[in-house]
């Protein structure tokens, strides 16, 4: 899950695994698997960074 901010300043959490497409239109538009679309304040690069960081944490091997 990643934290994002709607254009109105409302913070929310999105399941990064459900992100299908991120576009800069010039606002950042995040499209999900289910067809939902959300405009966010974060840049395209920032959404990508957060999604990649999330994936690295989730897929990290469990060690003793």
N, C-alpha and C. Protein backbone atom coordinates (compact mmCIF):
# COMPACT_ATOMS: atom_id res chain seq x y z
N UNK A 1 0.84 -1.17 0.00
CA UNK A 1 0.00 0.00 0.00
C UNK A 1 0.89 1.24 0.00
N UNK A 2 0.49 2.25 -0.75
CA UNK A 2 1.25 3.50 -0.79
C UNK A 2 0.33 4.67 -0.45
N UNK A 3 0.90 5.68 0.20
CA UNK A 3 0.16 6.90 0.54
C UNK A 3 0.22 7.85 -0.64
N UNK A 4 -0.93 8.42 -1.00
CA UNK A 4 -1.01 9.42 -2.06
C UNK A 4 -1.91 10.56 -1.58
N UNK A 5 -1.93 11.66 -2.35
CA UNK A 5 -2.72 12.82 -1.98
C UNK A 5 -3.59 13.25 -3.15
N UNK A 6 -4.90 13.34 -2.91
CA UNK A 6 -5.81 13.84 -3.95
C UNK A 6 -5.53 15.32 -4.19
N UNK A 7 -6.01 15.86 -5.29
CA UNK A 7 -5.78 17.27 -5.61
C UNK A 7 -6.34 18.20 -4.55
N UNK A 8 -7.39 17.76 -3.83
CA UNK A 8 -8.00 18.60 -2.79
C UNK A 8 -7.24 18.52 -1.46
N UNK A 9 -6.12 17.78 -1.42
CA UNK A 9 -5.29 17.66 -0.21
C UNK A 9 -5.62 16.46 0.66
N UNK A 10 -6.66 15.72 0.33
CA UNK A 10 -7.04 14.54 1.11
C UNK A 10 -6.04 13.40 0.87
N UNK A 11 -5.46 12.89 1.96
CA UNK A 11 -4.52 11.77 1.84
C UNK A 11 -5.28 10.46 1.86
N UNK A 12 -4.79 9.48 1.11
CA UNK A 12 -5.41 8.16 1.07
C UNK A 12 -4.35 7.12 0.79
N UNK A 13 -4.73 5.86 0.93
CA UNK A 13 -3.81 4.74 0.70
C UNK A 13 -4.34 3.94 -0.49
N UNK A 14 -3.43 3.60 -1.40
CA UNK A 14 -3.80 2.83 -2.59
C UNK A 14 -2.98 1.54 -2.63
N UNK A 15 -3.61 0.47 -3.07
CA UNK A 15 -2.92 -0.79 -3.26
C UNK A 15 -2.08 -0.67 -4.53
N UNK A 16 -0.76 -0.61 -4.37
CA UNK A 16 0.14 -0.41 -5.50
C UNK A 16 0.07 -1.56 -6.50
N UNK A 17 -0.32 -2.75 -6.04
CA UNK A 17 -0.43 -3.89 -6.96
C UNK A 17 -1.58 -3.72 -7.94
N UNK A 18 -2.51 -2.84 -7.65
CA UNK A 18 -3.68 -2.64 -8.52
C UNK A 18 -3.48 -1.51 -9.52
N UNK A 19 -2.34 -0.80 -9.44
CA UNK A 19 -2.09 0.30 -10.39
C UNK A 19 -1.81 -0.28 -11.76
N UNK A 20 -2.53 0.20 -12.74
CA UNK A 20 -2.39 -0.27 -14.13
C UNK A 20 -1.55 0.71 -14.94
N UNK A 21 -1.88 2.02 -14.84
CA UNK A 21 -1.21 3.05 -15.63
C UNK A 21 -1.09 4.32 -14.80
N UNK A 22 0.03 5.02 -14.93
CA UNK A 22 0.20 6.34 -14.33
C UNK A 22 0.56 7.29 -15.46
N UNK A 23 -0.21 8.40 -15.57
CA UNK A 23 -0.01 9.36 -16.65
C UNK A 23 0.19 10.76 -16.08
N UNK A 24 0.91 11.58 -16.82
CA UNK A 24 1.06 12.99 -16.47
C UNK A 24 0.30 13.77 -17.52
N UNK A 25 -0.81 14.43 -17.11
CA UNK A 25 -1.75 15.00 -18.11
C UNK A 25 -2.07 16.49 -18.00
N UNK A 26 -1.48 17.45 -17.44
CA UNK A 26 -0.22 17.51 -16.70
C UNK A 26 -0.35 17.05 -15.25
N UNK A 27 -1.57 17.01 -14.68
CA UNK A 27 -1.70 16.43 -13.34
C UNK A 27 -1.45 14.92 -13.46
N UNK A 28 -1.09 14.30 -12.35
CA UNK A 28 -0.81 12.87 -12.37
C UNK A 28 -2.12 12.10 -12.22
N UNK A 29 -2.39 11.24 -13.18
CA UNK A 29 -3.60 10.42 -13.20
C UNK A 29 -3.20 8.96 -13.00
N UNK A 30 -3.73 8.34 -11.93
CA UNK A 30 -3.45 6.94 -11.62
C UNK A 30 -4.68 6.12 -12.01
N UNK A 31 -4.50 5.15 -12.91
CA UNK A 31 -5.59 4.27 -13.34
C UNK A 31 -5.35 2.88 -12.74
N UNK A 32 -6.41 2.29 -12.21
CA UNK A 32 -6.31 0.99 -11.54
C UNK A 32 -6.91 -0.12 -12.39
N UNK A 33 -6.64 -1.37 -12.00
CA UNK A 33 -7.16 -2.54 -12.70
C UNK A 33 -8.67 -2.51 -12.88
N UNK A 34 -9.39 -2.07 -11.85
CA UNK A 34 -10.85 -2.06 -11.88
C UNK A 34 -11.45 -0.93 -12.68
N UNK A 35 -10.62 -0.06 -13.27
CA UNK A 35 -11.11 1.06 -14.07
C UNK A 35 -11.19 2.37 -13.31
N UNK A 36 -10.98 2.33 -11.98
CA UNK A 36 -10.98 3.57 -11.20
C UNK A 36 -9.82 4.45 -11.63
N UNK A 37 -10.05 5.78 -11.62
CA UNK A 37 -9.00 6.74 -11.95
C UNK A 37 -8.98 7.82 -10.88
N UNK A 38 -7.78 8.19 -10.44
CA UNK A 38 -7.63 9.18 -9.39
C UNK A 38 -6.54 10.16 -9.79
N UNK A 39 -6.83 11.46 -9.70
CA UNK A 39 -5.81 12.49 -9.90
C UNK A 39 -5.13 12.73 -8.57
N UNK A 40 -3.80 12.77 -8.58
CA UNK A 40 -3.03 12.95 -7.35
C UNK A 40 -2.03 14.09 -7.48
N UNK A 41 -1.61 14.62 -6.33
CA UNK A 41 -0.64 15.72 -6.31
C UNK A 41 0.78 15.26 -6.61
N UNK A 42 1.09 14.02 -6.27
CA UNK A 42 2.45 13.52 -6.47
C UNK A 42 2.76 13.45 -7.97
N UNK A 43 4.02 13.61 -8.30
CA UNK A 43 4.45 13.50 -9.70
C UNK A 43 4.42 12.05 -10.16
N UNK A 44 4.44 11.86 -11.45
CA UNK A 44 4.51 10.51 -12.02
C UNK A 44 5.72 9.77 -11.46
N UNK A 45 6.87 10.46 -11.41
CA UNK A 45 8.09 9.83 -10.90
C UNK A 45 7.95 9.42 -9.44
N UNK A 46 7.27 10.25 -8.63
CA UNK A 46 7.10 9.94 -7.21
C UNK A 46 6.17 8.74 -7.01
N UNK A 47 5.10 8.66 -7.79
CA UNK A 47 4.19 7.51 -7.70
C UNK A 47 4.95 6.24 -8.08
N UNK A 48 5.76 6.33 -9.13
CA UNK A 48 6.56 5.17 -9.55
C UNK A 48 7.54 4.76 -8.45
N UNK A 49 8.21 5.74 -7.85
CA UNK A 49 9.18 5.44 -6.79
C UNK A 49 8.51 4.74 -5.62
N UNK A 50 7.35 5.24 -5.21
CA UNK A 50 6.65 4.64 -4.07
C UNK A 50 6.18 3.22 -4.41
N UNK A 51 5.69 3.02 -5.62
CA UNK A 51 5.23 1.68 -6.02
C UNK A 51 6.40 0.70 -6.08
N UNK A 52 7.53 1.15 -6.58
CA UNK A 52 8.72 0.29 -6.66
C UNK A 52 9.24 -0.03 -5.26
N UNK A 53 9.30 0.98 -4.38
CA UNK A 53 9.74 0.75 -3.00
C UNK A 53 8.82 -0.26 -2.30
N UNK A 54 7.51 -0.12 -2.51
CA UNK A 54 6.54 -1.03 -1.94
C UNK A 54 6.80 -2.47 -2.44
N UNK A 55 7.00 -2.61 -3.75
CA UNK A 55 7.23 -3.94 -4.33
C UNK A 55 8.50 -4.57 -3.77
N UNK A 56 9.53 -3.77 -3.58
CA UNK A 56 10.78 -4.29 -3.02
C UNK A 56 10.58 -4.80 -1.60
N UNK A 57 9.81 -4.08 -0.81
CA UNK A 57 9.56 -4.50 0.57
C UNK A 57 8.73 -5.77 0.60
N UNK A 58 7.68 -5.84 -0.20
CA UNK A 58 6.77 -6.99 -0.20
C UNK A 58 7.46 -8.24 -0.71
N UNK A 59 8.31 -8.10 -1.70
CA UNK A 59 8.94 -9.26 -2.33
C UNK A 59 10.30 -9.62 -1.74
N UNK A 60 10.69 -8.93 -0.68
CA UNK A 60 11.97 -9.20 -0.02
C UNK A 60 11.92 -10.58 0.62
N UNK A 61 12.96 -11.39 0.44
CA UNK A 61 12.96 -12.72 1.07
C UNK A 61 12.96 -12.60 2.60
N UNK A 62 12.29 -13.53 3.23
CA UNK A 62 12.26 -13.58 4.70
C UNK A 62 13.56 -14.23 5.17
N UNK A 63 14.27 -13.56 6.08
CA UNK A 63 15.52 -14.09 6.61
C UNK A 63 15.43 -14.18 8.13
N UNK A 64 16.30 -14.99 8.70
CA UNK A 64 16.31 -15.15 10.17
C UNK A 64 16.94 -13.98 10.83
